[in-house]
Amino acid sequence: MIFIFPLLLLELFISMKVGMVIGFGYSVIWILASFLIGMGLIKYSYVSILQATDFMKKGKIDIKIFYKSNMSYLLGAILLIVPGVLTDSFGVLSLIYTLYLHLIAKITPENKKTNFKESDDVIDVEIINSSSDSNSRS
């Protein structure tokens, strides 16, 4: 909580400096573009989660990397939505980290020993108590 106020001041200072260099119109375009990109990333976040799930099923990543990948993706998308140059920079860095984790997962060979078992020998059974049937008929 103590670091939030200085971080907000730093965000405001950097955004003002960049705004003076690129101009007001381009600053507004930057804010709107980063907002739309962040919203688009959140809207299609299920694709990243499904891809990471597929990597985990194939044994290319473990649960820690799965968690890190998805959390850095969502954090990057949220940081892009928040207006400001500093938060946009952190959001892009977070998304680059997500791409790095996905790239590592793509080049890692498949591990045949995974915790996911696909089995066809599961039988769904319904148990009917015959004593209750005979009591209801009497």
Protein backbone atom coordinates (compact mmCIF):
# COMPACT_ATOMS: atom_id res chain seq x y z
CA MET A 1 0.00 0.00 0.00
CA ILE A 2 2.88 2.36 0.72
CA PHE A 3 4.27 1.93 -2.80
CA ILE A 4 1.01 2.67 -4.63
CA PHE A 5 1.14 6.45 -4.23
CA PRO A 6 4.75 6.83 -5.46
CA LEU A 7 4.00 4.42 -8.30
CA LEU A 8 0.98 6.49 -9.34
CA LEU A 9 3.07 9.66 -9.25
CA LEU A 10 5.76 7.99 -11.36
CA GLU A 11 3.11 6.78 -13.81
CA LEU A 12 1.67 10.29 -14.09
CA PHE A 13 5.12 11.86 -14.54
CA ILE A 14 6.20 9.41 -17.26
CA SER A 15 2.87 9.66 -19.06
CA MET A 16 3.04 13.46 -19.03
CA LYS A 17 6.59 13.44 -20.39
CA VAL A 18 5.69 11.00 -23.18
CA GLY A 19 2.53 12.99 -23.89
CA MET A 20 4.56 16.17 -24.33
CA VAL A 21 6.91 14.43 -26.75
CA ILE A 22 4.33 12.67 -28.93
CA GLY A 23 1.46 15.12 -28.54
CA PHE A 24 -2.03 15.00 -27.06
CA GLY A 25 -3.72 13.33 -30.05
CA TYR A 26 -1.22 10.48 -30.22
CA SER A 27 -1.46 10.05 -26.44
CA VAL A 28 -5.22 9.56 -26.71
CA ILE A 29 -4.72 7.11 -29.58
CA TRP A 30 -2.13 5.23 -27.49
CA ILE A 31 -4.49 4.99 -24.52
CA LEU A 32 -7.42 3.82 -26.66
CA ALA A 33 -5.30 1.34 -28.60
CA SER A 34 -3.78 -0.22 -25.50
CA PHE A 35 -7.23 -0.42 -23.92
CA LEU A 36 -8.69 -2.18 -26.97
CA ILE A 37 -5.73 -4.57 -27.20
CA GLY A 38 -6.05 -5.43 -23.49
CA MET A 39 -9.79 -6.02 -23.82
CA GLY A 40 -9.21 -8.20 -26.88
CA LEU A 41 -6.61 -10.23 -25.00
CA ILE A 42 -9.00 -10.80 -22.11
CA LYS A 43 -11.82 -11.69 -24.49
CA TYR A 44 -9.72 -14.40 -26.13
CA SER A 45 -7.84 -15.51 -23.02
CA TYR A 46 -9.51 -18.90 -23.24
CA VAL A 47 -7.34 -19.68 -26.29
CA SER A 48 -4.16 -19.19 -24.27
CA ILE A 49 -5.55 -21.25 -21.40
CA LEU A 50 -6.58 -24.08 -23.74
CA GLN A 51 -3.16 -24.06 -25.40
CA ALA A 52 -1.41 -24.21 -22.02
CA THR A 53 -3.75 -27.03 -20.98
CA ASP A 54 -2.82 -28.93 -24.12
CA PHE A 55 0.88 -28.44 -23.34
CA MET A 56 0.29 -29.75 -19.84
CA LYS A 57 -1.59 -32.80 -21.13
CA LYS A 58 1.30 -33.60 -23.44
CA GLY A 59 3.73 -33.34 -20.54
CA LYS A 60 5.58 -30.34 -21.98
CA ILE A 61 4.95 -28.11 -18.96
CA ASP A 62 4.12 -28.70 -15.33
CA ILE A 63 1.47 -27.05 -13.22
CA LYS A 64 3.79 -24.24 -12.05
CA ILE A 65 4.57 -23.12 -15.58
CA PHE A 66 0.88 -23.49 -16.48
CA TYR A 67 0.00 -21.16 -13.61
CA LYS A 68 2.78 -18.67 -14.41
CA SER A 69 1.83 -18.59 -18.07
CA ASN A 70 -1.85 -17.92 -17.49
CA MET A 71 -1.31 -15.41 -14.68
CA SER A 72 1.27 -13.41 -16.63
CA TYR A 73 -1.09 -13.38 -19.63
CA LEU A 74 -3.99 -12.03 -17.59
CA LEU A 75 -1.78 -9.56 -15.72
CA GLY A 76 -0.39 -8.27 -19.02
CA ALA A 77 -3.88 -7.83 -20.44
CA ILE A 78 -5.09 -5.99 -17.33
CA LEU A 79 -2.03 -3.73 -17.30
CA LEU A 80 -2.69 -2.80 -20.92
CA ILE A 81 -6.22 -1.77 -20.01
CA VAL A 82 -4.99 0.62 -17.30
CA PRO A 83 -4.04 3.91 -18.98
CA GLY A 84 -0.43 4.95 -18.74
CA VAL A 85 2.97 4.38 -20.28
CA LEU A 86 4.50 2.57 -17.32
CA THR A 87 1.63 0.10 -16.93
CA ASP A 88 1.62 -0.52 -20.68
CA SER A 89 5.34 -1.27 -20.53
CA PHE A 90 4.87 -3.73 -17.67
CA GLY A 91 1.93 -5.29 -19.53
CA VAL A 92 4.00 -5.83 -22.67
CA LEU A 93 6.84 -7.33 -20.60
CA SER A 94 4.36 -9.68 -18.97
CA LEU A 95 3.02 -10.75 -22.36
CA ILE A 96 6.57 -11.31 -23.64
CA TYR A 97 7.15 -13.58 -20.63
CA THR A 98 4.00 -15.51 -21.56
CA LEU A 99 5.25 -15.89 -25.14
CA TYR A 100 8.58 -17.11 -23.78
CA LEU A 101 6.88 -19.79 -21.66
CA HIS A 102 4.77 -20.92 -24.63
CA LEU A 103 7.84 -21.01 -26.87
CA ILE A 104 9.70 -23.16 -24.35
CA ALA A 105 6.68 -25.47 -24.16
CA LYS A 106 6.58 -25.80 -27.96
CA ILE A 107 10.22 -26.81 -28.28
CA THR A 108 10.20 -29.14 -25.26
CA PRO A 109 9.76 -32.79 -26.25
CA GLU A 110 6.62 -34.57 -25.12
CA ASN A 111 6.75 -36.47 -21.86
CA LYS A 112 4.80 -39.70 -22.08
CA LYS A 113 4.45 -39.91 -18.28
CA THR A 114 1.72 -37.44 -17.42
CA ASN A 115 -0.86 -37.41 -14.68
CA PHE A 116 -3.67 -37.34 -17.22
CA LYS A 117 -5.00 -40.77 -18.05
CA GLU A 118 -7.40 -41.37 -20.86
CA SER A 119 -9.28 -44.53 -20.08
CA ASP A 120 -12.10 -46.28 -21.89
CA ASP A 121 -12.76 -48.85 -19.17
CA VAL A 122 -14.93 -46.58 -17.01
CA ILE A 123 -18.43 -47.88 -16.46
CA ASP A 124 -21.23 -45.62 -15.29
CA VAL A 125 -23.41 -47.54 -12.86
CA GLU A 126 -26.68 -46.73 -11.14
CA ILE A 127 -27.38 -48.67 -7.96
CA ILE A 128 -30.99 -49.48 -7.23
CA ASN A 129 -31.78 -50.68 -3.77
CA SER A 130 -34.12 -53.67 -4.18
CA SER A 131 -35.38 -53.53 -0.58
CA SER A 132 -36.87 -50.09 -1.16
CA ASP A 133 -38.60 -51.36 -4.30
CA SER A 134 -40.21 -54.24 -2.44
CA ASN A 135 -41.35 -51.93 0.40
CA SER A 136 -42.93 -49.48 -2.01
CA ARG A 137 -44.85 -52.26 -3.77
CA SER A 138 -46.34 -53.60 -0.56
